[in-house]
């Protein structure tokens, strides 16, 4: 258990930097959407922490949470992007705060029961809203690609964290 926390903390500290991934215009499109969560540090850290947090919960709750995150993430990108001039005030601070909250939930192994999918999805709304300030054209395909990438990364980090926990308990 202790080694798992040390490994996760070291990995996250190695990735830490200012979360200034939004604000610059980028062309939309499916492949840009796929790449952004994998190259945007705020998304990468948030989704990895999400998967690790969900790995401490039941498989059913984890799957519902990933689906809720993807649905609300997609919806927030599309809605904010279609409302002319929609911009979230203090977007970077909001995104950073959501990353910190997800990290705290992960390290505290917070059990929220049936509220978990809702809390997880709401924390990702600001990430989706942030894209209203940067995606130019191809909004739906960008949202689809980004949502698919978030789902894949969350599931990979979920199974990785489950594997680490399994091997740590087996060999500890």
N, C-alpha and C. Protein backbone atom coordinates (compact mmCIF):
# COMPACT_ATOMS: atom_id res chain seq x y z
N UNK A 1 0.83 -1.18 0.00
CA UNK A 1 0.00 0.00 0.00
C UNK A 1 0.88 1.25 0.00
N UNK A 2 1.86 1.28 0.87
CA UNK A 2 2.73 2.44 0.97
C UNK A 2 3.54 2.64 -0.31
N UNK A 3 4.03 1.56 -0.90
CA UNK A 3 4.82 1.69 -2.13
C UNK A 3 3.96 2.20 -3.28
N UNK A 4 2.69 1.83 -3.29
CA UNK A 4 1.78 2.32 -4.33
C UNK A 4 1.65 3.84 -4.25
N UNK A 5 1.50 4.37 -3.05
CA UNK A 5 1.40 5.82 -2.88
C UNK A 5 2.69 6.52 -3.28
N UNK A 6 3.82 5.92 -2.95
CA UNK A 6 5.11 6.51 -3.30
C UNK A 6 5.28 6.54 -4.82
N UNK A 7 4.95 5.45 -5.50
CA UNK A 7 5.08 5.38 -6.95
C UNK A 7 4.16 6.41 -7.62
N UNK A 8 2.91 6.48 -7.17
CA UNK A 8 1.97 7.42 -7.77
C UNK A 8 2.40 8.87 -7.50
N UNK A 9 2.85 9.16 -6.29
CA UNK A 9 3.29 10.52 -5.96
C UNK A 9 4.49 10.91 -6.81
N UNK A 10 5.45 10.02 -6.94
CA UNK A 10 6.63 10.31 -7.75
C UNK A 10 6.26 10.55 -9.21
N UNK A 11 5.35 9.74 -9.74
CA UNK A 11 4.93 9.90 -11.13
C UNK A 11 4.23 11.23 -11.33
N UNK A 12 3.35 11.59 -10.42
CA UNK A 12 2.63 12.85 -10.56
C UNK A 12 3.53 14.06 -10.36
N UNK A 13 4.48 13.98 -9.43
CA UNK A 13 5.41 15.09 -9.25
C UNK A 13 6.30 15.26 -10.46
N UNK A 14 6.65 14.17 -11.10
CA UNK A 14 7.46 14.24 -12.30
C UNK A 14 6.73 14.90 -13.45
N UNK A 15 5.41 14.83 -13.43
CA UNK A 15 4.61 15.43 -14.48
C UNK A 15 4.12 16.83 -14.13
N UNK A 16 4.37 17.28 -12.90
CA UNK A 16 3.77 18.54 -12.47
C UNK A 16 4.44 19.73 -13.15
N UNK A 17 3.61 20.67 -13.52
CA UNK A 17 4.02 21.93 -14.14
C UNK A 17 2.77 22.80 -14.18
N UNK A 18 2.90 24.06 -14.49
CA UNK A 18 1.71 24.90 -14.59
C UNK A 18 0.73 24.33 -15.61
N UNK A 19 -0.53 24.36 -15.28
CA UNK A 19 -1.57 23.81 -16.16
C UNK A 19 -2.07 24.89 -17.10
N UNK A 20 -1.23 25.36 -17.97
CA UNK A 20 -1.60 26.40 -18.92
C UNK A 20 -1.79 25.79 -20.30
N UNK A 21 -2.77 24.93 -20.43
CA UNK A 21 -2.96 24.19 -21.67
C UNK A 21 -4.07 24.78 -22.53
N UNK A 22 -4.69 25.88 -22.12
CA UNK A 22 -5.83 26.41 -22.84
C UNK A 22 -5.64 27.87 -23.20
N UNK A 23 -6.45 28.32 -24.13
CA UNK A 23 -6.45 29.72 -24.48
C UNK A 23 -5.96 29.99 -25.89
N UNK A 24 -5.04 29.20 -26.38
CA UNK A 24 -4.56 29.38 -27.74
C UNK A 24 -5.52 28.67 -28.69
N UNK A 25 -5.81 29.32 -29.82
CA UNK A 25 -6.71 28.69 -30.78
C UNK A 25 -6.04 27.50 -31.44
N UNK A 26 -6.84 26.48 -31.68
CA UNK A 26 -6.34 25.33 -32.42
C UNK A 26 -7.46 24.86 -33.33
N UNK A 27 -7.09 24.28 -34.43
CA UNK A 27 -8.11 23.77 -35.31
C UNK A 27 -8.76 22.57 -34.67
N UNK A 28 -10.02 22.42 -34.92
CA UNK A 28 -10.75 21.28 -34.37
C UNK A 28 -10.45 20.04 -35.20
N UNK A 29 -11.23 19.04 -35.00
CA UNK A 29 -11.06 17.82 -35.76
C UNK A 29 -10.82 16.65 -34.83
N UNK A 30 -11.12 15.48 -35.34
CA UNK A 30 -11.06 14.26 -34.55
C UNK A 30 -9.66 13.99 -34.00
N UNK A 31 -8.64 14.10 -34.84
CA UNK A 31 -7.28 13.76 -34.40
C UNK A 31 -6.73 14.78 -33.41
N UNK A 32 -7.09 16.06 -33.59
CA UNK A 32 -6.71 17.06 -32.60
C UNK A 32 -7.36 16.73 -31.26
N UNK A 33 -8.62 16.28 -31.33
CA UNK A 33 -9.34 15.88 -30.12
C UNK A 33 -8.69 14.68 -29.44
N UNK A 34 -8.28 13.71 -30.22
CA UNK A 34 -7.60 12.53 -29.68
C UNK A 34 -6.30 12.95 -28.99
N UNK A 35 -5.54 13.82 -29.61
CA UNK A 35 -4.22 14.18 -29.10
C UNK A 35 -4.26 15.11 -27.89
N UNK A 36 -5.25 15.99 -27.80
CA UNK A 36 -5.21 16.99 -26.74
C UNK A 36 -5.17 16.40 -25.33
N UNK A 37 -6.02 15.44 -24.97
CA UNK A 37 -5.91 14.88 -23.62
C UNK A 37 -4.59 14.15 -23.38
N UNK A 38 -3.96 13.70 -24.44
CA UNK A 38 -2.69 12.98 -24.29
C UNK A 38 -1.49 13.92 -24.23
N UNK A 39 -1.66 15.14 -24.73
CA UNK A 39 -0.56 16.10 -24.74
C UNK A 39 -0.80 17.29 -23.82
N UNK A 40 -2.05 17.52 -23.43
CA UNK A 40 -2.36 18.59 -22.48
C UNK A 40 -2.11 18.06 -21.07
N UNK A 41 -1.15 18.63 -20.40
CA UNK A 41 -0.72 18.12 -19.10
C UNK A 41 -1.86 18.09 -18.08
N UNK A 42 -2.72 19.10 -18.10
CA UNK A 42 -3.83 19.12 -17.15
C UNK A 42 -4.76 17.94 -17.35
N UNK A 43 -5.06 17.62 -18.61
CA UNK A 43 -5.93 16.47 -18.88
C UNK A 43 -5.24 15.17 -18.51
N UNK A 44 -4.00 15.06 -18.88
CA UNK A 44 -3.25 13.83 -18.61
C UNK A 44 -3.21 13.52 -17.12
N UNK A 45 -2.83 14.49 -16.32
CA UNK A 45 -2.76 14.28 -14.87
C UNK A 45 -4.15 14.02 -14.29
N UNK A 46 -5.14 14.80 -14.72
CA UNK A 46 -6.50 14.63 -14.19
C UNK A 46 -7.07 13.26 -14.52
N UNK A 47 -6.89 12.81 -15.74
CA UNK A 47 -7.47 11.53 -16.14
C UNK A 47 -6.72 10.36 -15.50
N UNK A 48 -5.41 10.46 -15.37
CA UNK A 48 -4.65 9.41 -14.69
C UNK A 48 -5.08 9.33 -13.22
N UNK A 49 -5.23 10.48 -12.57
CA UNK A 49 -5.71 10.48 -11.18
C UNK A 49 -7.12 9.93 -11.09
N UNK A 50 -7.96 10.26 -12.06
CA UNK A 50 -9.32 9.73 -12.09
C UNK A 50 -9.30 8.21 -12.14
N UNK A 51 -8.52 7.65 -13.05
CA UNK A 51 -8.44 6.20 -13.17
C UNK A 51 -7.90 5.55 -11.91
N UNK A 52 -6.89 6.16 -11.30
CA UNK A 52 -6.34 5.62 -10.05
C UNK A 52 -7.37 5.69 -8.93
N UNK A 53 -8.10 6.81 -8.85
CA UNK A 53 -9.14 6.94 -7.82
C UNK A 53 -10.23 5.90 -8.03
N UNK A 54 -10.67 5.74 -9.27
CA UNK A 54 -11.73 4.78 -9.55
C UNK A 54 -11.30 3.34 -9.32
N UNK A 55 -10.00 3.09 -9.36
CA UNK A 55 -9.51 1.73 -9.14
C UNK A 55 -9.73 1.28 -7.70
N UNK A 56 -10.00 2.22 -6.80
CA UNK A 56 -10.26 1.87 -5.40
C UNK A 56 -11.73 1.56 -5.17
N UNK A 57 -12.55 1.70 -6.20
CA UNK A 57 -13.99 1.50 -6.10
C UNK A 57 -14.39 0.24 -6.86
N UNK A 58 -15.66 -0.09 -6.79
CA UNK A 58 -16.13 -1.29 -7.50
C UNK A 58 -16.06 -1.05 -9.01
N UNK A 59 -15.98 -2.12 -9.76
CA UNK A 59 -15.89 -2.03 -11.21
C UNK A 59 -17.14 -1.35 -11.79
N UNK A 60 -18.30 -1.64 -11.23
CA UNK A 60 -19.56 -1.06 -11.71
C UNK A 60 -19.56 0.45 -11.53
N UNK A 61 -19.18 0.93 -10.35
CA UNK A 61 -19.13 2.37 -10.07
C UNK A 61 -18.08 3.03 -10.96
N UNK A 62 -16.95 2.38 -11.14
CA UNK A 62 -15.89 2.93 -11.98
C UNK A 62 -16.36 3.10 -13.42
N UNK A 63 -17.03 2.08 -13.97
CA UNK A 63 -17.51 2.16 -15.35
C UNK A 63 -18.57 3.25 -15.49
N UNK A 64 -19.49 3.34 -14.54
CA UNK A 64 -20.50 4.40 -14.58
C UNK A 64 -19.83 5.77 -14.52
N UNK A 65 -18.79 5.89 -13.72
CA UNK A 65 -18.09 7.16 -13.58
C UNK A 65 -17.40 7.56 -14.88
N UNK A 66 -16.74 6.62 -15.53
CA UNK A 66 -16.07 6.91 -16.80
C UNK A 66 -17.10 7.34 -17.85
N UNK A 67 -18.21 6.62 -17.91
CA UNK A 67 -19.25 6.98 -18.87
C UNK A 67 -19.83 8.37 -18.58
N UNK A 68 -20.03 8.68 -17.30
CA UNK A 68 -20.55 10.00 -16.93
C UNK A 68 -19.55 11.10 -17.28
N UNK A 69 -18.28 10.86 -17.02
CA UNK A 69 -17.24 11.84 -17.35
C UNK A 69 -17.23 12.09 -18.86
N UNK A 70 -17.24 11.03 -19.65
CA UNK A 70 -17.17 11.18 -21.10
C UNK A 70 -18.41 11.91 -21.62
N UNK A 71 -19.58 11.55 -21.12
CA UNK A 71 -20.81 12.19 -21.59
C UNK A 71 -20.82 13.68 -21.25
N UNK A 72 -20.48 14.03 -20.04
CA UNK A 72 -20.51 15.44 -19.63
C UNK A 72 -19.36 16.23 -20.25
N UNK A 73 -18.22 15.60 -20.43
CA UNK A 73 -17.08 16.24 -21.08
C UNK A 73 -17.45 16.60 -22.52
N UNK A 74 -17.99 15.64 -23.26
CA UNK A 74 -18.42 15.87 -24.65
C UNK A 74 -19.46 16.98 -24.70
N UNK A 75 -20.46 16.88 -23.85
CA UNK A 75 -21.55 17.86 -23.84
C UNK A 75 -21.04 19.26 -23.52
N UNK A 76 -20.15 19.37 -22.55
CA UNK A 76 -19.64 20.70 -22.18
C UNK A 76 -18.80 21.31 -23.29
N UNK A 77 -18.05 20.51 -24.03
CA UNK A 77 -17.28 21.04 -25.16
C UNK A 77 -18.23 21.57 -26.23
N UNK A 78 -19.22 20.75 -26.58
CA UNK A 78 -20.14 21.12 -27.65
C UNK A 78 -21.00 22.33 -27.26
N UNK A 79 -21.57 22.30 -26.06
CA UNK A 79 -22.43 23.41 -25.65
C UNK A 79 -21.66 24.72 -25.54
N UNK A 80 -20.53 24.70 -24.90
CA UNK A 80 -19.74 25.92 -24.75
C UNK A 80 -19.21 26.41 -26.10
N UNK A 81 -18.90 25.48 -26.98
CA UNK A 81 -18.38 25.86 -28.29
C UNK A 81 -19.43 26.39 -29.23
N UNK A 82 -20.70 26.02 -29.02
CA UNK A 82 -21.76 26.49 -29.91
C UNK A 82 -22.40 27.79 -29.43
N UNK A 83 -22.17 28.17 -28.18
CA UNK A 83 -22.69 29.43 -27.67
C UNK A 83 -21.68 30.51 -28.03
N UNK A 84 -22.08 31.41 -28.87
CA UNK A 84 -21.17 32.44 -29.37
C UNK A 84 -20.60 33.27 -28.22
N UNK A 85 -19.28 33.30 -28.15
CA UNK A 85 -18.60 34.11 -27.14
C UNK A 85 -18.55 33.47 -25.76
N UNK A 86 -18.89 32.21 -25.66
CA UNK A 86 -18.86 31.56 -24.35
C UNK A 86 -17.42 31.38 -23.90
N UNK A 87 -17.10 31.96 -22.76
CA UNK A 87 -15.77 31.79 -22.20
C UNK A 87 -15.89 31.67 -20.70
N UNK A 88 -15.17 30.75 -20.16
CA UNK A 88 -15.17 30.54 -18.72
C UNK A 88 -14.17 31.49 -18.09
N UNK A 89 -14.63 32.27 -17.13
CA UNK A 89 -13.72 33.18 -16.42
C UNK A 89 -12.75 32.35 -15.59
N UNK A 90 -11.53 32.76 -15.54
CA UNK A 90 -10.49 32.08 -14.77
C UNK A 90 -10.39 30.60 -15.13
N UNK A 91 -10.37 30.31 -16.41
CA UNK A 91 -10.40 28.92 -16.87
C UNK A 91 -9.22 28.11 -16.33
N UNK A 92 -8.04 28.67 -16.34
CA UNK A 92 -6.88 27.91 -15.88
C UNK A 92 -6.95 27.60 -14.39
N UNK A 93 -7.43 28.55 -13.60
CA UNK A 93 -7.57 28.32 -12.17
C UNK A 93 -8.60 27.23 -11.91
N UNK A 94 -9.70 27.25 -12.67
CA UNK A 94 -10.74 26.24 -12.51
C UNK A 94 -10.23 24.85 -12.89
N UNK A 95 -9.49 24.78 -13.97
CA UNK A 95 -8.93 23.50 -14.41
C UNK A 95 -7.93 22.99 -13.37
N UNK A 96 -7.06 23.87 -12.91
CA UNK A 96 -6.08 23.48 -11.90
C UNK A 96 -6.77 23.00 -10.63
N UNK A 97 -7.81 23.71 -10.21
CA UNK A 97 -8.55 23.31 -9.01
C UNK A 97 -9.17 21.93 -9.18
N UNK A 98 -9.70 21.64 -10.37
CA UNK A 98 -10.30 20.32 -10.59
C UNK A 98 -9.24 19.22 -10.55
N UNK A 99 -8.05 19.51 -11.06
CA UNK A 99 -6.95 18.53 -11.01
C UNK A 99 -6.55 18.26 -9.56
N UNK A 100 -6.46 19.32 -8.77
CA UNK A 100 -6.09 19.17 -7.35
C UNK A 100 -7.15 18.35 -6.62
N UNK A 101 -8.43 18.65 -6.85
CA UNK A 101 -9.51 17.91 -6.17
C UNK A 101 -9.48 16.44 -6.56
N UNK A 102 -9.28 16.15 -7.83
CA UNK A 102 -9.22 14.74 -8.26
C UNK A 102 -8.02 14.05 -7.61
N UNK A 103 -6.89 14.75 -7.52
CA UNK A 103 -5.72 14.19 -6.84
C UNK A 103 -5.98 13.90 -5.38
N UNK A 104 -6.64 14.82 -4.70
CA UNK A 104 -6.98 14.62 -3.28
C UNK A 104 -7.92 13.43 -3.12
N UNK A 105 -8.94 13.35 -3.98
CA UNK A 105 -9.86 12.21 -3.92
C UNK A 105 -9.12 10.89 -4.12
N UNK A 106 -8.14 10.89 -5.05
CA UNK A 106 -7.37 9.68 -5.32
C UNK A 106 -6.53 9.29 -4.11
N UNK A 107 -5.74 10.22 -3.59
CA UNK A 107 -4.85 9.90 -2.48
C UNK A 107 -5.59 9.57 -1.19
N UNK A 108 -6.76 10.19 -1.00
CA UNK A 108 -7.55 9.92 0.19
C UNK A 108 -8.40 8.66 0.04
N UNK A 109 -8.41 8.09 -1.18
CA UNK A 109 -9.23 6.91 -1.47
C UNK A 109 -10.68 7.16 -1.05
N UNK A 110 -11.17 8.32 -1.43
CA UNK A 110 -12.49 8.77 -1.04
C UNK A 110 -13.58 7.87 -1.62
N UNK A 111 -14.46 7.42 -0.78
CA UNK A 111 -15.59 6.58 -1.18
C UNK A 111 -16.85 7.43 -1.17
N UNK A 112 -17.41 7.69 -2.33
CA UNK A 112 -18.61 8.52 -2.42
C UNK A 112 -19.83 7.71 -2.84
N UNK A 113 -19.67 6.42 -3.03
CA UNK A 113 -20.79 5.56 -3.40
C UNK A 113 -21.44 5.99 -4.71
N UNK A 114 -22.76 6.14 -4.68
CA UNK A 114 -23.53 6.47 -5.88
C UNK A 114 -23.23 7.87 -6.41
N UNK A 115 -22.65 8.72 -5.59
CA UNK A 115 -22.31 10.08 -6.02
C UNK A 115 -21.03 10.14 -6.85
N UNK A 116 -20.25 9.08 -6.84
CA UNK A 116 -18.96 9.08 -7.53
C UNK A 116 -19.07 9.48 -9.00
N UNK A 117 -19.97 8.87 -9.80
CA UNK A 117 -20.04 9.29 -11.21
C UNK A 117 -20.38 10.76 -11.39
N UNK A 118 -21.24 11.27 -10.52
CA UNK A 118 -21.64 12.68 -10.62
C UNK A 118 -20.46 13.59 -10.28
N UNK A 119 -19.79 13.32 -9.19
CA UNK A 119 -18.65 14.14 -8.77
C UNK A 119 -17.55 14.09 -9.83
N UNK A 120 -17.24 12.90 -10.32
CA UNK A 120 -16.19 12.76 -11.34
C UNK A 120 -16.55 13.55 -12.60
N UNK A 121 -17.79 13.44 -13.04
CA UNK A 121 -18.21 14.12 -14.26
C UNK A 121 -18.18 15.64 -14.09
N UNK A 122 -18.65 16.13 -12.96
CA UNK A 122 -18.67 17.57 -12.71
C UNK A 122 -17.26 18.14 -12.69
N UNK A 123 -16.31 17.38 -12.14
CA UNK A 123 -14.93 17.85 -12.11
C UNK A 123 -14.34 18.01 -13.52
N UNK A 124 -14.89 17.27 -14.49
CA UNK A 124 -14.38 17.36 -15.85
C UNK A 124 -15.12 18.38 -16.71
N UNK A 125 -16.18 18.98 -16.19
CA UNK A 125 -16.91 19.99 -16.95
C UNK A 125 -16.00 21.16 -17.30
N UNK A 126 -15.19 21.63 -16.35
CA UNK A 126 -14.32 22.78 -16.63
C UNK A 126 -13.32 22.47 -17.73
N UNK A 127 -12.90 21.22 -17.83
CA UNK A 127 -11.99 20.86 -18.91
C UNK A 127 -12.69 20.99 -20.26
N UNK A 128 -13.94 20.54 -20.30
CA UNK A 128 -14.72 20.68 -21.54
C UNK A 128 -15.01 22.13 -21.87
N UNK A 129 -15.38 22.91 -20.86
CA UNK A 129 -15.69 24.32 -21.09
C UNK A 129 -14.46 25.09 -21.56
N UNK A 130 -13.30 24.68 -21.11
CA UNK A 130 -12.06 25.36 -21.51
C UNK A 130 -11.85 25.31 -23.02
N UNK A 131 -12.37 24.29 -23.66
CA UNK A 131 -12.18 24.16 -25.10
C UNK A 131 -13.00 25.14 -25.91
N UNK A 132 -13.99 25.76 -25.28
CA UNK A 132 -14.77 26.76 -26.01
C UNK A 132 -13.90 27.96 -26.38
N UNK A 133 -12.80 28.13 -25.69
CA UNK A 133 -11.91 29.26 -25.98
C UNK A 133 -10.85 28.92 -27.02
N UNK A 134 -10.75 27.68 -27.42
CA UNK A 134 -9.63 27.32 -28.30
C UNK A 134 -9.97 26.57 -29.57
N UNK A 135 -11.09 25.86 -29.63
CA UNK A 135 -11.39 25.04 -30.81
C UNK A 135 -12.02 25.91 -31.88
N UNK A 136 -11.42 25.89 -33.06
CA UNK A 136 -11.92 26.64 -34.21
C UNK A 136 -12.29 25.64 -35.28
N UNK A 137 -13.59 25.44 -35.52
CA UNK A 137 -14.05 24.51 -36.54
C UNK A 137 -13.94 23.07 -36.09
N UNK A 138 -14.75 22.22 -36.64
CA UNK A 138 -14.71 20.78 -36.33
C UNK A 138 -15.00 20.48 -34.88
N UNK A 139 -15.93 21.23 -34.30
CA UNK A 139 -16.20 21.12 -32.87
C UNK A 139 -16.68 19.73 -32.47
N UNK A 140 -17.64 19.18 -33.23
CA UNK A 140 -18.20 17.88 -32.87
C UNK A 140 -17.16 16.76 -33.01
N UNK A 141 -16.38 16.82 -34.07
CA UNK A 141 -15.36 15.78 -34.23
C UNK A 141 -14.26 15.93 -33.19
N UNK A 142 -13.91 17.18 -32.83
CA UNK A 142 -12.92 17.40 -31.77
C UNK A 142 -13.46 16.84 -30.45
N UNK A 143 -14.71 17.15 -30.13
CA UNK A 143 -15.33 16.68 -28.89
C UNK A 143 -15.38 15.16 -28.85
N UNK A 144 -15.70 14.54 -29.99
CA UNK A 144 -15.74 13.08 -30.05
C UNK A 144 -14.36 12.46 -29.85
N UNK A 145 -13.36 13.02 -30.51
CA UNK A 145 -12.00 12.51 -30.36
C UNK A 145 -11.47 12.69 -28.96
N UNK A 146 -11.69 13.88 -28.37
CA UNK A 146 -11.22 14.15 -27.01
C UNK A 146 -11.92 13.24 -26.00
N UNK A 147 -13.21 13.03 -26.19
CA UNK A 147 -13.96 12.17 -25.27
C UNK A 147 -13.50 10.72 -25.37
N UNK A 148 -13.25 10.25 -26.58
CA UNK A 148 -12.74 8.90 -26.77
C UNK A 148 -11.37 8.74 -26.12
N UNK A 149 -10.52 9.74 -26.28
CA UNK A 149 -9.19 9.70 -25.69
C UNK A 149 -9.26 9.71 -24.16
N UNK A 150 -10.14 10.53 -23.59
CA UNK A 150 -10.31 10.58 -22.13
C UNK A 150 -10.79 9.23 -21.62
N UNK A 151 -11.76 8.63 -22.31
CA UNK A 151 -12.27 7.32 -21.89
C UNK A 151 -11.17 6.26 -21.92
N UNK A 152 -10.40 6.23 -23.00
CA UNK A 152 -9.32 5.25 -23.12
C UNK A 152 -8.24 5.45 -22.06
N UNK A 153 -7.84 6.69 -21.84
CA UNK A 153 -6.82 6.98 -20.84
C UNK A 153 -7.31 6.66 -19.43
N UNK A 154 -8.57 6.97 -19.15
CA UNK A 154 -9.13 6.65 -17.82
C UNK A 154 -9.15 5.15 -17.59
N UNK A 155 -9.53 4.38 -18.61
CA UNK A 155 -9.59 2.93 -18.45
C UNK A 155 -8.19 2.32 -18.33
N UNK A 156 -7.25 2.83 -19.11
CA UNK A 156 -5.87 2.33 -19.00
C UNK A 156 -5.30 2.62 -17.62
N UNK A 157 -5.50 3.84 -17.12
CA UNK A 157 -4.97 4.18 -15.80
C UNK A 157 -5.70 3.41 -14.70
N UNK A 158 -6.99 3.13 -14.89
CA UNK A 158 -7.76 2.31 -13.95
C UNK A 158 -7.14 0.91 -13.84
N UNK A 159 -6.93 0.27 -14.99
CA UNK A 159 -6.38 -1.09 -14.97
C UNK A 159 -4.92 -1.12 -14.52
N UNK A 160 -4.16 -0.07 -14.84
CA UNK A 160 -2.78 0.00 -14.37
C UNK A 160 -2.75 0.10 -12.85
N UNK A 161 -3.58 0.99 -12.28
CA UNK A 161 -3.63 1.14 -10.83
C UNK A 161 -4.11 -0.14 -10.15
N UNK A 162 -5.07 -0.82 -10.75
CA UNK A 162 -5.53 -2.11 -10.21
C UNK A 162 -4.38 -3.11 -10.20
N UNK A 163 -3.60 -3.13 -11.27
CA UNK A 163 -2.47 -4.06 -11.37
C UNK A 163 -1.40 -3.74 -10.34
N UNK A 164 -1.08 -2.45 -10.18
CA UNK A 164 -0.09 -2.05 -9.18
C UNK A 164 -0.55 -2.46 -7.79
N UNK A 165 -1.82 -2.20 -7.49
CA UNK A 165 -2.35 -2.57 -6.17
C UNK A 165 -2.30 -4.08 -5.96
N UNK A 166 -2.61 -4.83 -7.00
CA UNK A 166 -2.59 -6.29 -6.91
C UNK A 166 -1.17 -6.79 -6.62
N UNK A 167 -0.20 -6.32 -7.41
CA UNK A 167 1.17 -6.79 -7.21
C UNK A 167 1.79 -6.30 -5.92
N UNK A 168 1.41 -5.10 -5.48
CA UNK A 168 1.93 -4.59 -4.20
C UNK A 168 1.40 -5.42 -3.03
N UNK A 169 0.15 -5.82 -3.09
CA UNK A 169 -0.40 -6.63 -1.98
C UNK A 169 0.12 -8.06 -2.06
N UNK A 170 0.37 -8.54 -3.24
CA UNK A 170 0.84 -9.91 -3.42
C UNK A 170 2.28 -10.07 -2.93
N UNK A 171 3.10 -9.05 -3.21
CA UNK A 171 4.54 -9.16 -2.87
C UNK A 171 4.93 -8.42 -1.61
N UNK A 172 4.01 -7.68 -1.01
CA UNK A 172 4.36 -6.89 0.17
C UNK A 172 4.38 -7.76 1.42
